[in-house]
């Protein structure tokens, strides 16, 4: 089917509605930060990771996502993770 994917939709609507834009490359980062074990291919984990963000952060998930992306290096050092 032609059109845009879930990640693109979330980035477009980022300032309008709560969302947590996750793509395949970022799954590893977020799983490590949230302590979620990766048991499958990254693309298959995306729905679970988005559900986790929605449950844990609710209407604030945009802000949590933005904070993590913009402070990834410091968070990585704080948690002792190699991201």
PDB file of N, CA and C in Angstrom:
ATOM      1  N   UNK A   1       0.841  -1.183   0.000  1.00  0.00           N
ATOM      2  CA  UNK A   1       0.000   0.000   0.000  1.00  0.00           C
ATOM      3  C   UNK A   1       0.886   1.245   0.000  1.00  0.00           C
ATOM      4  N   UNK A   2       0.535   2.199  -0.805  1.00  0.00           N
ATOM      5  CA  UNK A   2       1.292   3.441  -0.923  1.00  0.00           C
ATOM      6  C   UNK A   2       0.924   4.385   0.210  1.00  0.00           C
ATOM      7  N   UNK A   3       1.860   5.236   0.576  1.00  0.00           N
ATOM      8  CA  UNK A   3       1.595   6.227   1.620  1.00  0.00           C
ATOM      9  C   UNK A   3       2.781   6.331   2.557  1.00  0.00           C
ATOM     10  N   UNK A   4       2.517   6.871   3.729  1.00  0.00           N
ATOM     11  CA  UNK A   4       3.592   7.015   4.698  1.00  0.00           C
ATOM     12  C   UNK A   4       3.457   5.951   5.781  1.00  0.00           C
ATOM     13  N   UNK A   5       4.553   5.668   6.447  1.00  0.00           N
ATOM     14  CA  UNK A   5       4.546   4.662   7.499  1.00  0.00           C
ATOM     15  C   UNK A   5       4.229   5.264   8.860  1.00  0.00           C
ATOM     16  N   UNK A   6       4.197   4.404   9.839  1.00  0.00           N
ATOM     17  CA  UNK A   6       3.868   4.788  11.215  1.00  0.00           C
ATOM     18  C   UNK A   6       4.849   5.821  11.777  1.00  0.00           C
ATOM     19  N   UNK A   7       6.151   5.602  11.547  1.00  0.00           N
ATOM     20  CA  UNK A   7       7.155   6.541  12.055  1.00  0.00           C
ATOM     21  C   UNK A   7       6.957   7.928  11.454  1.00  0.00           C
ATOM     22  N   UNK A   8       6.759   8.002  10.151  1.00  0.00           N
ATOM     23  CA  UNK A   8       6.553   9.303   9.491  1.00  0.00           C
ATOM     24  C   UNK A   8       5.294   9.975  10.001  1.00  0.00           C
ATOM     25  N   UNK A   9       4.238   9.209  10.174  1.00  0.00           N
ATOM     26  CA  UNK A   9       2.987   9.760  10.710  1.00  0.00           C
ATOM     27  C   UNK A   9       3.218  10.359  12.092  1.00  0.00           C
ATOM     28  N   UNK A  10       3.934   9.632  12.941  1.00  0.00           N
ATOM     29  CA  UNK A  10       4.197  10.127  14.289  1.00  0.00           C
ATOM     30  C   UNK A  10       5.048  11.393  14.288  1.00  0.00           C
ATOM     31  N   UNK A  11       6.022  11.472  13.397  1.00  0.00           N
ATOM     32  CA  UNK A  11       6.843  12.679  13.361  1.00  0.00           C
ATOM     33  C   UNK A  11       6.053  13.883  12.853  1.00  0.00           C
ATOM     34  N   UNK A  12       5.112  13.654  11.950  1.00  0.00           N
ATOM     35  CA  UNK A  12       4.269  14.741  11.446  1.00  0.00           C
ATOM     36  C   UNK A  12       3.318  15.228  12.530  1.00  0.00           C
ATOM     37  N   UNK A  13       2.741  14.304  13.292  1.00  0.00           N
ATOM     38  CA  UNK A  13       1.764  14.650  14.319  1.00  0.00           C
ATOM     39  C   UNK A  13       2.389  14.917  15.687  1.00  0.00           C
ATOM     40  N   UNK A  14       3.709  14.940  15.760  1.00  0.00           N
ATOM     41  CA  UNK A  14       4.430  15.029  17.031  1.00  0.00           C
ATOM     42  C   UNK A  14       3.970  16.196  17.909  1.00  0.00           C
ATOM     43  N   UNK A  15       3.723  17.349  17.326  1.00  0.00           N
ATOM     44  CA  UNK A  15       3.315  18.523  18.105  1.00  0.00           C
ATOM     45  C   UNK A  15       1.808  18.603  18.313  1.00  0.00           C
ATOM     46  N   UNK A  16       1.064  17.693  17.738  1.00  0.00           N
ATOM     47  CA  UNK A  16      -0.396  17.767  17.789  1.00  0.00           C
ATOM     48  C   UNK A  16      -0.995  16.761  18.768  1.00  0.00           C
ATOM     49  N   UNK A  17      -0.437  15.559  18.822  1.00  0.00           N
ATOM     50  CA  UNK A  17      -0.996  14.520  19.684  1.00  0.00           C
ATOM     51  C   UNK A  17       0.135  13.728  20.340  1.00  0.00           C
ATOM     52  N   UNK A  18      -0.139  13.120  21.492  1.00  0.00           N
ATOM     53  CA  UNK A  18       0.894  12.303  22.135  1.00  0.00           C
ATOM     54  C   UNK A  18       1.296  11.125  21.243  1.00  0.00           C
ATOM     55  N   UNK A  19       2.592  10.956  21.052  1.00  0.00           N
ATOM     56  CA  UNK A  19       3.099   9.838  20.265  1.00  0.00           C
ATOM     57  C   UNK A  19       4.555   9.597  20.637  1.00  0.00           C
ATOM     58  N   UNK A  20       5.088   8.497  20.221  1.00  0.00           N
ATOM     59  CA  UNK A  20       6.468   8.110  20.500  1.00  0.00           C
ATOM     60  C   UNK A  20       7.041   7.530  19.215  1.00  0.00           C
ATOM     61  N   UNK A  21       7.609   8.386  18.346  1.00  0.00           N
ATOM     62  CA  UNK A  21       8.098   7.919  17.037  1.00  0.00           C
ATOM     63  C   UNK A  21       9.283   6.955  17.164  1.00  0.00           C
ATOM     64  N   UNK A  22       9.057   5.719  16.844  1.00  0.00           N
ATOM     65  CA  UNK A  22      10.104   4.698  16.915  1.00  0.00           C
ATOM     66  C   UNK A  22      10.306   4.109  15.527  1.00  0.00           C
ATOM     67  N   UNK A  23      11.563   4.008  15.138  1.00  0.00           N
ATOM     68  CA  UNK A  23      11.872   3.297  13.902  1.00  0.00           C
ATOM     69  C   UNK A  23      12.843   2.163  14.246  1.00  0.00           C
ATOM     70  N   UNK A  24      13.157   1.349  13.279  1.00  0.00           N
ATOM     71  CA  UNK A  24      13.941   0.136  13.540  1.00  0.00           C
ATOM     72  C   UNK A  24      15.316   0.439  14.142  1.00  0.00           C
ATOM     73  N   UNK A  25      15.973   1.514  13.725  1.00  0.00           N
ATOM     74  CA  UNK A  25      17.311   1.791  14.248  1.00  0.00           C
ATOM     75  C   UNK A  25      17.275   2.230  15.697  1.00  0.00           C
ATOM     76  N   UNK A  26      16.196   2.862  16.161  1.00  0.00           N
ATOM     77  CA  UNK A  26      16.142   3.385  17.533  1.00  0.00           C
ATOM     78  C   UNK A  26      15.626   2.369  18.556  1.00  0.00           C
ATOM     79  N   UNK A  27      15.140   1.235  18.108  1.00  0.00           N
ATOM     80  CA  UNK A  27      14.613   0.216  19.022  1.00  0.00           C
ATOM     81  C   UNK A  27      15.664  -0.181  20.057  1.00  0.00           C
ATOM     82  N   UNK A  28      16.883  -0.427  19.636  1.00  0.00           N
ATOM     83  CA  UNK A  28      17.942  -0.851  20.558  1.00  0.00           C
ATOM     84  C   UNK A  28      18.181   0.182  21.649  1.00  0.00           C
ATOM     85  N   UNK A  29      18.228   1.458  21.276  1.00  0.00           N
ATOM     86  CA  UNK A  29      18.462   2.527  22.258  1.00  0.00           C
ATOM     87  C   UNK A  29      17.368   2.564  23.314  1.00  0.00           C
ATOM     88  N   UNK A  30      16.128   2.588  22.859  1.00  0.00           N
ATOM     89  CA  UNK A  30      15.017   2.709  23.800  1.00  0.00           C
ATOM     90  C   UNK A  30      14.858   1.451  24.647  1.00  0.00           C
ATOM     91  N   UNK A  31      15.068   0.285  24.064  1.00  0.00           N
ATOM     92  CA  UNK A  31      14.974  -0.947  24.842  1.00  0.00           C
ATOM     93  C   UNK A  31      16.034  -0.968  25.950  1.00  0.00           C
ATOM     94  N   UNK A  32      17.242  -0.548  25.623  1.00  0.00           N
ATOM     95  CA  UNK A  32      18.294  -0.499  26.643  1.00  0.00           C
ATOM     96  C   UNK A  32      17.939   0.497  27.743  1.00  0.00           C
ATOM     97  N   UNK A  33      17.484   1.669  27.382  1.00  0.00           N
ATOM     98  CA  UNK A  33      17.131   2.685  28.377  1.00  0.00           C
ATOM     99  C   UNK A  33      15.960   2.266  29.258  1.00  0.00           C
ATOM    100  N   UNK A  34      14.993   1.571  28.692  1.00  0.00           N
ATOM    101  CA  UNK A  34      13.797   1.178  29.434  1.00  0.00           C
ATOM    102  C   UNK A  34      13.919  -0.210  30.061  1.00  0.00           C
ATOM    103  N   UNK A  35      15.047  -0.894  29.847  1.00  0.00           N
ATOM    104  CA  UNK A  35      15.244  -2.212  30.426  1.00  0.00           C
ATOM    105  C   UNK A  35      14.366  -3.285  29.806  1.00  0.00           C
ATOM    106  N   UNK A  36      14.110  -3.155  28.518  1.00  0.00           N
ATOM    107  CA  UNK A  36      13.275  -4.122  27.802  1.00  0.00           C
ATOM    108  C   UNK A  36      14.184  -5.066  27.015  1.00  0.00           C
ATOM    109  N   UNK A  37      13.999  -6.353  27.230  1.00  0.00           N
ATOM    110  CA  UNK A  37      14.811  -7.353  26.542  1.00  0.00           C
ATOM    111  C   UNK A  37      14.386  -7.468  25.084  1.00  0.00           C
ATOM    112  N   UNK A  38      15.371  -7.535  24.206  1.00  0.00           N
ATOM    113  CA  UNK A  38      15.103  -7.671  22.775  1.00  0.00           C
ATOM    114  C   UNK A  38      15.118  -9.157  22.433  1.00  0.00           C
ATOM    115  N   UNK A  39      13.939  -9.684  22.118  1.00  0.00           N
ATOM    116  CA  UNK A  39      13.819 -11.117  21.824  1.00  0.00           C
ATOM    117  C   UNK A  39      13.465 -11.376  20.360  1.00  0.00           C
ATOM    118  N   UNK A  40      13.320 -10.314  19.590  1.00  0.00           N
ATOM    119  CA  UNK A  40      12.868 -10.467  18.212  1.00  0.00           C
ATOM    120  C   UNK A  40      13.554  -9.417  17.346  1.00  0.00           C
ATOM    121  N   UNK A  41      13.232  -9.407  16.067  1.00  0.00           N
ATOM    122  CA  UNK A  41      13.760  -8.397  15.160  1.00  0.00           C
ATOM    123  C   UNK A  41      13.236  -7.021  15.570  1.00  0.00           C
ATOM    124  N   UNK A  42      14.043  -5.979  15.418  1.00  0.00           N
ATOM    125  CA  UNK A  42      13.642  -4.635  15.853  1.00  0.00           C
ATOM    126  C   UNK A  42      12.269  -4.178  15.348  1.00  0.00           C
ATOM    127  N   UNK A  43      11.957  -4.426  14.098  1.00  0.00           N
ATOM    128  CA  UNK A  43      10.658  -3.980  13.558  1.00  0.00           C
ATOM    129  C   UNK A  43       9.470  -4.615  14.290  1.00  0.00           C
ATOM    130  N   UNK A  44       9.651  -5.835  14.763  1.00  0.00           N
ATOM    131  CA  UNK A  44       8.561  -6.518  15.464  1.00  0.00           C
ATOM    132  C   UNK A  44       8.384  -6.001  16.894  1.00  0.00           C
ATOM    133  N   UNK A  45       9.393  -5.351  17.441  1.00  0.00           N
ATOM    134  CA  UNK A  45       9.354  -4.843  18.809  1.00  0.00           C
ATOM    135  C   UNK A  45       8.705  -3.454  18.876  1.00  0.00           C
ATOM    136  N   UNK A  46       8.672  -2.748  17.764  1.00  0.00           N
ATOM    137  CA  UNK A  46       8.156  -1.380  17.742  1.00  0.00           C
ATOM    138  C   UNK A  46       6.772  -1.245  18.396  1.00  0.00           C
ATOM    139  N   UNK A  47       5.778  -2.075  18.060  1.00  0.00           N
ATOM    140  CA  UNK A  47       4.464  -1.913  18.702  1.00  0.00           C
ATOM    141  C   UNK A  47       4.511  -2.064  20.226  1.00  0.00           C
ATOM    142  N   UNK A  48       5.324  -2.996  20.726  1.00  0.00           N
ATOM    143  CA  UNK A  48       5.452  -3.184  22.166  1.00  0.00           C
ATOM    144  C   UNK A  48       6.108  -1.975  22.832  1.00  0.00           C
ATOM    145  N   UNK A  49       7.111  -1.429  22.183  1.00  0.00           N
ATOM    146  CA  UNK A  49       7.814  -0.269  22.714  1.00  0.00           C
ATOM    147  C   UNK A  49       6.906   0.961  22.735  1.00  0.00           C
ATOM    148  N   UNK A  50       6.113   1.135  21.691  1.00  0.00           N
ATOM    149  CA  UNK A  50       5.163   2.245  21.637  1.00  0.00           C
ATOM    150  C   UNK A  50       4.084   2.086  22.712  1.00  0.00           C
ATOM    151  N   UNK A  51       3.619   0.857  22.936  1.00  0.00           N
ATOM    152  CA  UNK A  51       2.619   0.598  23.980  1.00  0.00           C
ATOM    153  C   UNK A  51       3.207   0.883  25.361  1.00  0.00           C
ATOM    154  N   UNK A  52       4.464   0.514  25.564  1.00  0.00           N
ATOM    155  CA  UNK A  52       5.147   0.790  26.828  1.00  0.00           C
ATOM    156  C   UNK A  52       5.207   2.296  27.078  1.00  0.00           C
ATOM    157  N   UNK A  53       5.619   3.056  26.054  1.00  0.00           N
ATOM    158  CA  UNK A  53       5.721   4.514  26.182  1.00  0.00           C
ATOM    159  C   UNK A  53       4.359   5.132  26.485  1.00  0.00           C
ATOM    160  N   UNK A  54       3.335   4.641  25.823  1.00  0.00           N
ATOM    161  CA  UNK A  54       1.983   5.173  26.050  1.00  0.00           C
ATOM    162  C   UNK A  54       1.529   4.895  27.482  1.00  0.00           C
ATOM    163  N   UNK A  55       1.785   3.682  27.956  1.00  0.00           N
ATOM    164  CA  UNK A  55       1.374   3.308  29.309  1.00  0.00           C
ATOM    165  C   UNK A  55       2.162   4.081  30.365  1.00  0.00           C
ATOM    166  N   UNK A  56       3.472   4.178  30.186  1.00  0.00           N
ATOM    167  CA  UNK A  56       4.332   4.797  31.185  1.00  0.00           C
ATOM    168  C   UNK A  56       4.298   6.326  31.177  1.00  0.00           C
ATOM    169  N   UNK A  57       4.166   6.925  29.997  1.00  0.00           N
ATOM    170  CA  UNK A  57       4.307   8.373  29.886  1.00  0.00           C
ATOM    171  C   UNK A  57       3.038   9.094  29.456  1.00  0.00           C
ATOM    172  N   UNK A  58       2.047   8.346  28.965  1.00  0.00           N
ATOM    173  CA  UNK A  58       0.762   8.933  28.595  1.00  0.00           C
ATOM    174  C   UNK A  58       0.876  10.160  27.716  1.00  0.00           C
ATOM    175  N   UNK A  59       0.221  11.230  28.130  1.00  0.00           N
ATOM    176  CA  UNK A  59       0.199  12.451  27.318  1.00  0.00           C
ATOM    177  C   UNK A  59       1.560  13.148  27.265  1.00  0.00           C
ATOM    178  N   UNK A  60       2.519  12.696  28.052  1.00  0.00           N
ATOM    179  CA  UNK A  60       3.846  13.302  28.086  1.00  0.00           C
ATOM    180  C   UNK A  60       4.863  12.565  27.214  1.00  0.00           C
ATOM    181  N   UNK A  61       4.429  11.538  26.497  1.00  0.00           N
ATOM    182  CA  UNK A  61       5.388  10.733  25.739  1.00  0.00           C
ATOM    183  C   UNK A  61       6.167  11.536  24.702  1.00  0.00           C
ATOM    184  N   UNK A  62       5.564  12.580  24.126  1.00  0.00           N
ATOM    185  CA  UNK A  62       6.300  13.439  23.180  1.00  0.00           C
ATOM    186  C   UNK A  62       7.515  14.064  23.866  1.00  0.00           C
ATOM    187  N   UNK A  63       7.290  14.559  25.078  1.00  0.00           N
ATOM    188  CA  UNK A  63       8.360  15.243  25.805  1.00  0.00           C
ATOM    189  C   UNK A  63       9.451  14.272  26.244  1.00  0.00           C
ATOM    190  N   UNK A  64       9.051  13.088  26.664  1.00  0.00           N
ATOM    191  CA  UNK A  64      10.029  12.071  27.059  1.00  0.00           C
ATOM    192  C   UNK A  64      10.878  11.688  25.850  1.00  0.00           C
ATOM    193  N   UNK A  65      10.230  11.452  24.720  1.00  0.00           N
ATOM    194  CA  UNK A  65      10.958  11.113  23.490  1.00  0.00           C
ATOM    195  C   UNK A  65      11.950  12.218  23.129  1.00  0.00           C
ATOM    196  N   UNK A  66      11.469  13.456  23.134  1.00  0.00           N
ATOM    197  CA  UNK A  66      12.310  14.596  22.768  1.00  0.00           C
ATOM    198  C   UNK A  66      13.499  14.728  23.715  1.00  0.00           C
ATOM    199  N   UNK A  67      13.261  14.558  25.002  1.00  0.00           N
ATOM    200  CA  UNK A  67      14.342  14.644  25.984  1.00  0.00           C
ATOM    201  C   UNK A  67      15.388  13.567  25.732  1.00  0.00           C
ATOM    202  N   UNK A  68      14.936  12.335  25.535  1.00  0.00           N
ATOM    203  CA  UNK A  68      15.875  11.230  25.320  1.00  0.00           C
ATOM    204  C   UNK A  68      16.714  11.460  24.069  1.00  0.00           C
ATOM    205  N   UNK A  69      16.068  11.805  22.979  1.00  0.00           N
ATOM    206  CA  UNK A  69      16.788  12.005  21.726  1.00  0.00           C
ATOM    207  C   UNK A  69      17.814  13.137  21.834  1.00  0.00           C
ATOM    208  N   UNK A  70      17.465  14.195  22.532  1.00  0.00           N
ATOM    209  CA  UNK A  70      18.360  15.348  22.635  1.00  0.00           C
ATOM    210  C   UNK A  70      19.410  15.222  23.723  1.00  0.00           C
ATOM    211  N   UNK A  71      19.295  14.235  24.608  1.00  0.00           N
ATOM    212  CA  UNK A  71      20.267  14.070  25.681  1.00  0.00           C
ATOM    213  C   UNK A  71      20.765  12.627  25.760  1.00  0.00           C
ATOM    214  N   UNK A  72      20.800  11.961  24.631  1.00  0.00           N
ATOM    215  CA  UNK A  72      21.140  10.540  24.574  1.00  0.00           C
ATOM    216  C   UNK A  72      22.534  10.252  25.141  1.00  0.00           C
ATOM    217  N   UNK A  73      23.499  11.091  24.834  1.00  0.00           N
ATOM    218  CA  UNK A  73      24.859  10.848  25.308  1.00  0.00           C
ATOM    219  C   UNK A  73      24.942  10.920  26.839  1.00  0.00           C
ATOM    220  N   UNK A  74      24.321  11.930  27.425  1.00  0.00           N
ATOM    221  CA  UNK A  74      24.352  12.074  28.882  1.00  0.00           C
ATOM    222  C   UNK A  74      23.585  10.929  29.555  1.00  0.00           C
ATOM    223  N   UNK A  75      22.438  10.571  29.021  1.00  0.00           N
ATOM    224  CA  UNK A  75      21.668   9.458  29.571  1.00  0.00           C
ATOM    225  C   UNK A  75      22.455   8.155  29.477  1.00  0.00           C
ATOM    226  N   UNK A  76      23.118   7.963  28.360  1.00  0.00           N
ATOM    227  CA  UNK A  76      23.932   6.774  28.164  1.00  0.00           C
ATOM    228  C   UNK A  76      24.999   6.673  29.252  1.00  0.00           C
ATOM    229  N   UNK A  77      25.669   7.774  29.525  1.00  0.00           N
ATOM    230  CA  UNK A  77      26.706   7.801  30.559  1.00  0.00           C
ATOM    231  C   UNK A  77      26.098   7.620  31.949  1.00  0.00           C
ATOM    232  N   UNK A  78      24.980   8.259  32.209  1.00  0.00           N
ATOM    233  CA  UNK A  78      24.322   8.168  33.529  1.00  0.00           C
ATOM    234  C   UNK A  78      23.896   6.754  33.865  1.00  0.00           C
ATOM    235  N   UNK A  79      23.419   6.020  32.878  1.00  0.00           N
ATOM    236  CA  UNK A  79      22.937   4.662  33.102  1.00  0.00           C
ATOM    237  C   UNK A  79      24.001   3.611  32.820  1.00  0.00           C
ATOM    238  N   UNK A  80      25.193   4.052  32.419  1.00  0.00           N
ATOM    239  CA  UNK A  80      26.270   3.114  32.138  1.00  0.00           C
ATOM    240  C   UNK A  80      25.986   2.232  30.939  1.00  0.00           C
ATOM    241  N   UNK A  81      25.303   2.796  29.943  1.00  0.00           N
ATOM    242  CA  UNK A  81      24.947   2.048  28.742  1.00  0.00           C
ATOM    243  C   UNK A  81      25.804   2.507  27.577  1.00  0.00           C
ATOM    244  N   UNK A  82      26.082   1.597  26.689  1.00  0.00           N
ATOM    245  CA  UNK A  82      26.802   1.960  25.467  1.00  0.00           C
ATOM    246  C   UNK A  82      25.775   2.104  24.353  1.00  0.00           C
ATOM    247  N   UNK A  83      25.404   3.353  24.083  1.00  0.00           N
ATOM    248  CA  UNK A  83      24.386   3.617  23.068  1.00  0.00           C
ATOM    249  C   UNK A  83      24.995   4.248  21.852  1.00  0.00           C
TER     250      UNK A  83
END
